[in-house]
Amino acid sequence: KNGDIYFGGQYSASDQRLGVHSEMAVLTQAISDGATGFTHIALASSKFKDTPASPCGCCRQFISEASHETNSNPNILLFASNSNSSSTYTIEELLPVQWTNRAS
């Protein structure tokens, strides 16, 4: 909302279990800085060369919870790394049945 742009990347641990996903890293940094009202989240990955990248299920849930906690409803922009291919979604489109422990 205030025009700040955050960048993040993933960390892959040698055991392949203790890594940090880029979506989680960048959202955690932004929230730690007090950011709210996210308008966009963009994702590109070298693993997705010709088709748009796609967040994993864990990251979809993390985005959902972070969006709720920060009063955000961001457009999620997904890009291919070697082509002009892209897609845009809301978190509701990427995760239509979201888990929550909040009372309804």
C-alpha atoms as a PDB file:
ATOM      1  CA  LYS A   1       0.000   0.000   0.000  1.00  0.00           C
ATOM      2  CA  ASN A   2       2.786   2.427   0.792  1.00  0.00           C
ATOM      3  CA  GLY A   3       4.720   1.621  -2.387  1.00  0.00           C
ATOM      4  CA  ASP A   4       7.418  -0.522  -0.799  1.00  0.00           C
ATOM      5  CA  ILE A   5       8.716  -3.437  -2.856  1.00  0.00           C
ATOM      6  CA  TYR A   6      10.195  -6.488  -1.163  1.00  0.00           C
ATOM      7  CA  PHE A   7      12.371  -9.108  -2.839  1.00  0.00           C
ATOM      8  CA  GLY A   8      13.112 -12.594  -1.587  1.00  0.00           C
ATOM      9  CA  GLY A   9      14.546 -15.897  -2.609  1.00  0.00           C
ATOM     10  CA  GLN A  10      14.512 -19.438  -1.398  1.00  0.00           C
ATOM     11  CA  TYR A  11      17.093 -21.149   0.758  1.00  0.00           C
ATOM     12  CA  SER A  12      17.674 -24.823   0.037  1.00  0.00           C
ATOM     13  CA  ALA A  13      19.297 -26.673   2.921  1.00  0.00           C
ATOM     14  CA  SER A  14      21.624 -29.557   2.168  1.00  0.00           C
ATOM     15  CA  ASP A  15      19.185 -32.074   3.653  1.00  0.00           C
ATOM     16  CA  GLN A  16      16.296 -30.800   1.454  1.00  0.00           C
ATOM     17  CA  ARG A  17      13.990 -30.587   4.500  1.00  0.00           C
ATOM     18  CA  LEU A  18      14.927 -27.339   6.191  1.00  0.00           C
ATOM     19  CA  GLY A  19      14.622 -24.945   3.287  1.00  0.00           C
ATOM     20  CA  VAL A  20      12.758 -21.645   3.246  1.00  0.00           C
ATOM     21  CA  HIS A  21      10.445 -20.923   0.335  1.00  0.00           C
ATOM     22  CA  SER A  22      10.777 -17.519  -1.317  1.00  0.00           C
ATOM     23  CA  GLU A  23       7.113 -16.621  -0.771  1.00  0.00           C
ATOM     24  CA  MET A  24       7.493 -17.243   2.954  1.00  0.00           C
ATOM     25  CA  ALA A  25      10.791 -15.359   3.157  1.00  0.00           C
ATOM     26  CA  VAL A  26       9.544 -12.211   1.450  1.00  0.00           C
ATOM     27  CA  LEU A  27       6.197 -12.112   3.272  1.00  0.00           C
ATOM     28  CA  THR A  28       7.886 -12.663   6.631  1.00  0.00           C
ATOM     29  CA  GLN A  29      10.264  -9.768   5.925  1.00  0.00           C
ATOM     30  CA  ALA A  30       7.447  -7.474   4.846  1.00  0.00           C
ATOM     31  CA  ILE A  31       5.296  -8.335   7.863  1.00  0.00           C
ATOM     32  CA  SER A  32       8.310  -7.868  10.164  1.00  0.00           C
ATOM     33  CA  ASP A  33       8.660  -4.372   8.704  1.00  0.00           C
ATOM     34  CA  GLY A  34       5.011  -3.677   9.554  1.00  0.00           C
ATOM     35  CA  ALA A  35       3.750  -3.771   5.976  1.00  0.00           C
ATOM     36  CA  THR A  36       0.012  -4.254   5.427  1.00  0.00           C
ATOM     37  CA  GLY A  37      -2.363  -4.037   2.503  1.00  0.00           C
ATOM     38  CA  PHE A  38      -0.278  -6.028   0.020  1.00  0.00           C
ATOM     39  CA  THR A  39      -1.540  -5.398  -3.496  1.00  0.00           C
ATOM     40  CA  HIS A  40       0.660  -7.789  -5.501  1.00  0.00           C
ATOM     41  CA  ILE A  41       2.864 -10.824  -5.021  1.00  0.00           C
ATOM     42  CA  ALA A  42       5.007 -11.857  -7.997  1.00  0.00           C
ATOM     43  CA  LEU A  43       6.704 -15.214  -8.435  1.00  0.00           C
ATOM     44  CA  ALA A  44       9.211 -16.481 -10.986  1.00  0.00           C
ATOM     45  CA  SER A  45      11.370 -19.585 -10.786  1.00  0.00           C
ATOM     46  CA  SER A  46      14.136 -21.057 -12.899  1.00  0.00           C
ATOM     47  CA  LYS A  47      12.287 -24.377 -12.559  1.00  0.00           C
ATOM     48  CA  PHE A  48       9.445 -22.973 -14.676  1.00  0.00           C
ATOM     49  CA  LYS A  49      11.091 -21.931 -17.927  1.00  0.00           C
ATOM     50  CA  ASP A  50       8.207 -21.820 -20.398  1.00  0.00           C
ATOM     51  CA  THR A  51       5.127 -21.943 -18.177  1.00  0.00           C
ATOM     52  CA  PRO A  52       4.264 -19.655 -15.277  1.00  0.00           C
ATOM     53  CA  ALA A  53       5.622 -20.628 -11.872  1.00  0.00           C
ATOM     54  CA  SER A  54       3.143 -21.898  -9.320  1.00  0.00           C
ATOM     55  CA  PRO A  55       3.362 -21.697  -5.525  1.00  0.00           C
ATOM     56  CA  CYS A  56       3.272 -25.012  -3.676  1.00  0.00           C
ATOM     57  CA  GLY A  57       0.372 -25.862  -1.378  1.00  0.00           C
ATOM     58  CA  CYS A  58       2.292 -24.841   1.733  1.00  0.00           C
ATOM     59  CA  CYS A  59       3.041 -21.415   0.240  1.00  0.00           C
ATOM     60  CA  ARG A  60      -0.560 -20.994  -0.884  1.00  0.00           C
ATOM     61  CA  GLN A  61      -1.690 -21.525   2.698  1.00  0.00           C
ATOM     62  CA  PHE A  62       1.026 -19.160   3.977  1.00  0.00           C
ATOM     63  CA  ILE A  63      -0.055 -16.455   1.508  1.00  0.00           C
ATOM     64  CA  SER A  64      -3.673 -16.972   2.579  1.00  0.00           C
ATOM     65  CA  GLU A  65      -2.872 -16.549   6.267  1.00  0.00           C
ATOM     66  CA  ALA A  66      -0.503 -13.610   5.708  1.00  0.00           C
ATOM     67  CA  SER A  67      -3.126 -11.899   3.544  1.00  0.00           C
ATOM     68  CA  HIS A  68      -5.762 -12.310   6.233  1.00  0.00           C
ATOM     69  CA  GLU A  69      -3.464 -11.071   9.002  1.00  0.00           C
ATOM     70  CA  THR A  70      -2.431  -7.968   7.029  1.00  0.00           C
ATOM     71  CA  ASN A  71      -5.858  -7.079   5.609  1.00  0.00           C
ATOM     72  CA  SER A  72      -4.600  -7.783   2.099  1.00  0.00           C
ATOM     73  CA  ASN A  73      -6.127  -9.290  -1.017  1.00  0.00           C
ATOM     74  CA  PRO A  74      -3.155  -9.314  -3.390  1.00  0.00           C
ATOM     75  CA  ASN A  75      -3.095 -10.218  -7.038  1.00  0.00           C
ATOM     76  CA  ILE A  76      -0.628 -13.092  -7.389  1.00  0.00           C
ATOM     77  CA  LEU A  77       1.414 -12.719 -10.568  1.00  0.00           C
ATOM     78  CA  LEU A  78       3.124 -15.854 -11.858  1.00  0.00           C
ATOM     79  CA  PHE A  79       5.843 -15.683 -14.510  1.00  0.00           C
ATOM     80  CA  ALA A  80       7.847 -18.103 -16.638  1.00  0.00           C
ATOM     81  CA  SER A  81      11.587 -17.477 -16.486  1.00  0.00           C
ATOM     82  CA  ASN A  82      12.395 -17.815 -20.211  1.00  0.00           C
ATOM     83  CA  SER A  83       9.237 -16.668 -21.967  1.00  0.00           C
ATOM     84  CA  ASN A  84       6.560 -14.005 -21.818  1.00  0.00           C
ATOM     85  CA  SER A  85       4.093 -16.472 -20.326  1.00  0.00           C
ATOM     86  CA  SER A  86       2.338 -15.232 -17.185  1.00  0.00           C
ATOM     87  CA  SER A  87      -0.843 -15.695 -15.173  1.00  0.00           C
ATOM     88  CA  THR A  88      -2.614 -13.683 -12.487  1.00  0.00           C
ATOM     89  CA  TYR A  89      -4.714 -15.147  -9.671  1.00  0.00           C
ATOM     90  CA  THR A  90      -6.211 -14.256  -6.323  1.00  0.00           C
ATOM     91  CA  ILE A  91      -5.425 -16.455  -3.343  1.00  0.00           C
ATOM     92  CA  GLU A  92      -9.033 -17.678  -3.423  1.00  0.00           C
ATOM     93  CA  GLU A  93      -8.455 -18.967  -6.955  1.00  0.00           C
ATOM     94  CA  LEU A  94      -5.189 -20.691  -6.022  1.00  0.00           C
ATOM     95  CA  LEU A  95      -6.521 -22.066  -2.730  1.00  0.00           C
ATOM     96  CA  PRO A  96     -10.325 -22.254  -2.903  1.00  0.00           C
ATOM     97  CA  VAL A  97     -10.703 -24.199   0.355  1.00  0.00           C
ATOM     98  CA  GLN A  98      -8.433 -22.499   2.855  1.00  0.00           C
ATOM     99  CA  TRP A  99      -7.645 -23.996   6.243  1.00  0.00           C
ATOM    100  CA  THR A 100      -8.167 -21.717   9.207  1.00  0.00           C
ATOM    101  CA  ASN A 101      -8.323 -22.056  12.953  1.00  0.00           C
ATOM    102  CA  ARG A 102     -10.180 -18.748  13.245  1.00  0.00           C
ATOM    103  CA  ALA A 103     -13.750 -18.833  14.479  1.00  0.00           C
ATOM    104  CA  SER A 104     -16.232 -18.021  11.737  1.00  0.00           C
END
